[in-house]
Protein backbone atom coordinates (compact mmCIF):
# COMPACT_ATOMS: atom_id res chain seq x y z
CA MET A 1 56.87 22.88 66.95
CA ARG A 2 54.94 25.39 64.88
CA ARG A 3 52.95 24.13 61.92
CA SER A 4 53.57 25.86 58.64
CA ALA A 5 50.53 27.12 56.73
CA THR A 6 50.18 26.65 52.98
CA TYR A 7 48.52 29.36 51.00
CA ARG A 8 47.35 29.14 47.39
CA ALA A 9 47.02 32.16 45.20
CA HIS A 10 43.78 32.49 43.21
CA PRO A 11 43.90 34.48 39.99
CA ALA A 12 41.81 37.57 40.27
CA ASP A 13 40.26 37.06 36.85
CA ARG A 14 38.85 33.54 37.58
CA ARG A 15 35.09 33.72 37.93
CA GLY A 16 31.89 31.89 36.92
CA PHE A 17 29.06 32.90 34.62
CA THR A 18 26.75 35.64 35.67
CA LEU A 19 23.01 35.10 35.89
CA ILE A 20 22.44 37.29 32.83
CA GLU A 21 24.89 35.23 30.75
CA LEU A 22 23.16 31.99 31.75
CA VAL A 23 19.75 33.40 30.85
CA VAL A 24 21.05 34.51 27.43
CA VAL A 25 22.52 31.07 26.70
CA ILE A 26 19.31 29.29 27.74
CA THR A 27 17.24 31.64 25.57
CA ILE A 28 19.41 31.07 22.50
CA THR A 29 19.29 27.30 23.05
CA GLY A 30 15.51 27.42 23.24
CA VAL A 31 15.25 29.38 20.01
CA LEU A 32 17.52 26.93 18.20
CA ALA A 33 15.56 23.96 19.51
CA ALA A 34 12.24 25.47 18.39
CA TYR A 35 13.16 26.70 14.93
CA VAL A 36 16.33 25.00 13.73
CA ALA A 37 15.99 21.44 15.03
CA PRO A 38 12.77 20.63 13.12
CA ARG A 39 14.58 21.43 9.88
CA PHE A 40 17.09 18.67 10.54
CA TRP A 41 14.66 16.03 11.81
CA SER A 42 10.95 15.71 11.14
CA GLN A 43 8.79 13.03 12.71
CA GLN A 44 6.21 13.49 9.96
CA THR A 45 8.42 11.81 7.36
CA PHE A 46 8.75 8.70 9.51
CA SER A 47 5.04 8.70 10.33
CA ASP A 48 4.09 8.81 6.64
CA ARG A 49 6.52 6.04 5.76
CA GLY A 50 5.32 3.82 8.60
CA TYR A 51 1.68 4.28 7.63
CA VAL A 52 2.18 3.60 3.92
CA ASP A 53 4.03 0.37 4.80
CA GLU A 54 1.20 -0.64 7.13
CA LEU A 55 -1.40 0.15 4.47
CA ALA A 56 0.51 -1.92 1.90
CA ALA A 57 0.61 -4.88 4.31
CA ALA A 58 -3.15 -4.55 4.90
CA LEU A 59 -3.85 -4.57 1.15
CA ARG A 60 -1.69 -7.67 0.67
CA ALA A 61 -3.51 -9.43 3.52
CA THR A 62 -6.87 -8.47 1.99
CA GLN A 63 -5.86 -9.88 -1.39
CA LYS A 64 -4.58 -13.07 0.26
CA ALA A 65 -7.87 -13.50 2.14
CA ALA A 66 -9.82 -13.30 -1.12
CA VAL A 67 -7.72 -16.05 -2.70
CA ILE A 68 -7.68 -18.38 0.33
CA THR A 69 -11.37 -18.13 1.22
CA GLY A 70 -12.67 -18.03 -2.35
CA CYS A 71 -14.73 -14.95 -1.46
CA PRO A 72 -14.14 -11.36 -2.60
CA ALA A 73 -12.42 -9.10 -0.06
CA ARG A 74 -12.22 -5.35 0.19
CA LEU A 75 -10.30 -2.67 2.02
CA SER A 76 -12.24 0.51 2.71
CA LEU A 77 -9.84 3.45 2.84
CA ALA A 78 -10.71 6.79 4.45
CA SER A 79 -8.32 9.73 4.54
CA SER A 80 -6.98 8.74 7.96
CA SER A 81 -8.07 5.14 8.53
CA PHE A 82 -8.75 1.79 6.85
CA VAL A 83 -10.61 -1.45 7.52
CA ALA A 84 -10.65 -4.77 5.65
CA THR A 85 -13.86 -6.86 5.40
CA GLN A 86 -15.65 -9.60 3.50
CA GLN A 87 -19.29 -10.45 2.79
CA ALA A 88 -21.39 -12.39 5.28
CA ALA A 89 -20.89 -16.16 5.41
CA SER A 90 -23.42 -18.48 3.80
CA GLY A 91 -22.66 -22.06 4.79
CA ASN A 92 -19.11 -22.84 3.73
CA ALA A 93 -19.09 -19.95 1.27
CA CYS A 94 -20.07 -16.30 1.31
CA ASN A 95 -23.30 -14.55 0.45
CA LEU A 96 -22.48 -12.80 -2.81
CA ALA A 97 -25.73 -10.83 -2.55
CA ASP A 98 -24.65 -9.27 0.76
CA THR A 99 -24.02 -5.54 0.45
CA THR A 100 -23.03 -4.84 4.06
CA TRP A 101 -19.66 -6.65 4.10
CA PRO A 102 -19.77 -7.21 7.89
CA THR A 103 -17.10 -9.91 8.29
CA PRO A 104 -13.74 -8.50 9.45
CA ILE A 105 -10.57 -9.89 7.90
CA VAL A 106 -8.09 -10.90 10.58
CA SER A 107 -4.32 -11.09 10.49
CA ALA A 108 -2.14 -14.03 11.50
CA ASP A 109 -2.28 -12.98 15.17
CA GLY A 110 -6.10 -12.93 15.13
CA SER A 111 -6.52 -9.15 15.22
CA ALA A 112 -8.76 -7.33 12.76
CA ILE A 113 -7.00 -5.62 9.87
CA GLN A 114 -7.83 -2.00 10.56
CA ASP A 115 -6.01 1.05 11.85
CA THR A 116 -5.95 4.83 12.15
CA ALA A 117 -3.25 7.03 10.63
CA PRO A 118 -0.86 9.04 12.83
CA ALA A 119 -1.55 12.74 13.35
CA ASN A 120 -1.26 14.87 10.18
CA THR A 121 -0.90 11.76 7.97
CA THR A 122 -3.51 11.29 5.25
CA ALA A 123 -4.04 8.95 2.30
CA ALA A 124 -5.65 9.60 -1.09
CA PRO A 125 -7.70 8.68 -3.00
CA THR A 126 -10.25 7.31 -0.59
CA GLY A 127 -12.71 4.56 -1.43
CA VAL A 128 -13.05 0.77 -1.67
CA PHE A 129 -10.24 -1.40 -3.01
CA GLN A 130 -11.77 -4.78 -3.82
CA PHE A 131 -10.03 -8.02 -4.82
CA ASP A 132 -11.69 -10.95 -6.56
CA THR A 133 -11.10 -14.63 -5.82
CA GLN A 134 -8.14 -14.67 -8.22
CA GLY A 135 -6.41 -11.93 -6.23
CA ARG A 136 -6.96 -9.32 -8.91
CA LEU A 137 -7.99 -5.76 -8.16
CA SER A 138 -11.57 -5.79 -9.42
CA SER A 139 -12.63 -2.27 -8.39
CA SER A 140 -10.97 0.76 -6.83
CA PRO A 141 -10.88 4.57 -6.96
CA GLY A 142 -7.40 4.32 -8.50
CA ALA A 143 -4.32 2.16 -8.96
CA THR A 144 -2.11 4.34 -6.78
CA ILE A 145 -2.42 5.64 -3.22
CA THR A 146 -0.47 8.64 -1.98
CA VAL A 147 0.59 9.08 1.65
CA GLY A 148 2.61 12.28 2.10
CA THR A 149 5.54 12.02 -0.31
CA HIS A 150 5.17 8.23 -0.62
CA THR A 151 3.23 6.37 -3.30
CA LEU A 152 1.72 2.89 -3.14
CA SER A 153 0.81 1.18 -6.41
CA ILE A 154 -1.46 -1.80 -7.15
CA ILE A 155 -1.21 -3.72 -10.42
CA ALA A 156 -4.82 -4.50 -11.28
CA GLY A 157 -4.18 -7.66 -13.29
CA THR A 158 -2.18 -9.40 -10.57
CA GLY A 159 -3.08 -7.51 -7.39
CA LEU A 160 0.61 -6.90 -6.69
CA VAL A 161 1.07 -4.15 -4.08
CA GLN A 162 4.30 -2.12 -4.11
CA VAL A 163 5.52 0.90 -2.17
CA GLN A 164 7.38 3.24 -4.48
CA PRO A 165 10.35 5.31 -3.23
CA ALA A 166 9.72 8.98 -2.54
CA GLN A 167 12.27 9.89 -5.21
CA MET A 168 14.12 7.77 -7.75
CA VAL A 169 17.64 8.82 -8.65
CA GLN A 170 19.81 7.08 -11.23
CA VAL A 171 23.53 7.21 -10.49
CA PRO A 172 25.68 6.77 -13.62
CA ILE A 173 28.87 4.74 -13.24
CA ALA A 174 31.78 6.25 -15.18
CA VAL A 175 33.83 3.03 -15.23
CA PRO A 176 32.23 -0.44 -15.38
CA GLY A 177 33.06 -2.73 -12.50
CA GLN A 178 31.78 -5.17 -9.90
CA LEU A 179 29.94 -4.02 -6.79
CA LYS A 180 32.31 -4.50 -3.86
CA LYS A 181 30.46 -2.88 -0.97
CA LEU A 182 27.11 -1.13 -0.50
CA TYR A 183 26.94 1.53 2.22
CA VAL A 184 23.21 2.29 2.12
CA ARG A 185 20.01 0.26 2.12
CA GLU A 186 16.88 0.62 0.02
CA GLY A 187 14.69 3.52 1.10
CA GLN A 188 17.41 5.13 3.23
CA ALA A 189 17.77 8.91 3.08
CA VAL A 190 21.14 10.05 1.75
CA LYS A 191 23.04 13.33 1.69
CA LYS A 192 24.98 15.20 -0.95
CA HIS A 193 28.53 13.85 -1.45
CA GLN A 194 27.75 10.76 0.65
CA ILE A 195 29.49 7.56 -0.47
CA LEU A 196 26.84 5.07 -1.60
CA ALA A 197 28.83 2.13 -2.90
CA GLU A 198 32.29 0.90 -3.73
CA PHE A 199 33.13 -0.78 -7.04
CA ALA A 200 36.08 -2.95 -8.00
CA SER A 201 37.02 -2.03 -11.57
CA LEU A 202 38.98 -4.60 -13.57
CA GLU A 203 39.70 -1.94 -16.18
CA LEU A 204 41.33 0.39 -13.66
CA ALA A 205 43.27 -2.49 -12.16
CA SER A 206 44.56 -3.40 -15.62
CA ARG A 207 45.62 0.20 -16.27
CA ARG A 208 47.42 0.29 -12.94
CA VAL A 209 49.39 -2.83 -13.82
CA GLU A 210 50.31 -1.41 -17.23
CA ALA A 211 51.39 1.90 -15.74
CA THR A 212 53.55 0.12 -13.15
CA ALA A 213 55.20 -1.99 -15.84
CA GLU A 214 55.96 1.06 -18.00
CA ALA A 215 57.45 2.89 -15.02
CA LYS A 216 59.97 0.08 -14.53
């Protein structure tokens, strides 16, 4: 018995990409990645935010050390680094006449409170931020510190350290109501026309009931 052969027809116009087409696509992709992508996502913003949060935590720890130990504490801030220290010990207290401040302040895990800023991240103004034994800011080059677009403030009378948002926007509510759901968190970047929150308005609900009753 003869075996029958099966033949499949291949369209003449079916073909793959040419080498030139592939090279063009790869080139365009490279250009987009180099020039367009950085406009949508920048690591610098996250680096600045991370460093200002770390600096705020270091200042709070420095203030806390001054209150707990009963000895003044200071954080020396350079444009791209910081270190927290206290005066030399003298018995169970500190040597108030010491001008070298050689004793490092350590965090809860035992590591010294000091660090270096990420690349291209700087802080200003630079100088010494010193807290007294009551936790108050006794001397400093200023009450605010700027890191990129972020601002850190210190209330001198209390020593309270706060990181301010890069931009404050007040959103007016046309109809009073109760907050039902919040879609964003504090400090999160938002876009134009993005839904931020959902409100349950008793006034609108009342109008809806009245309108339904009148329709009947």
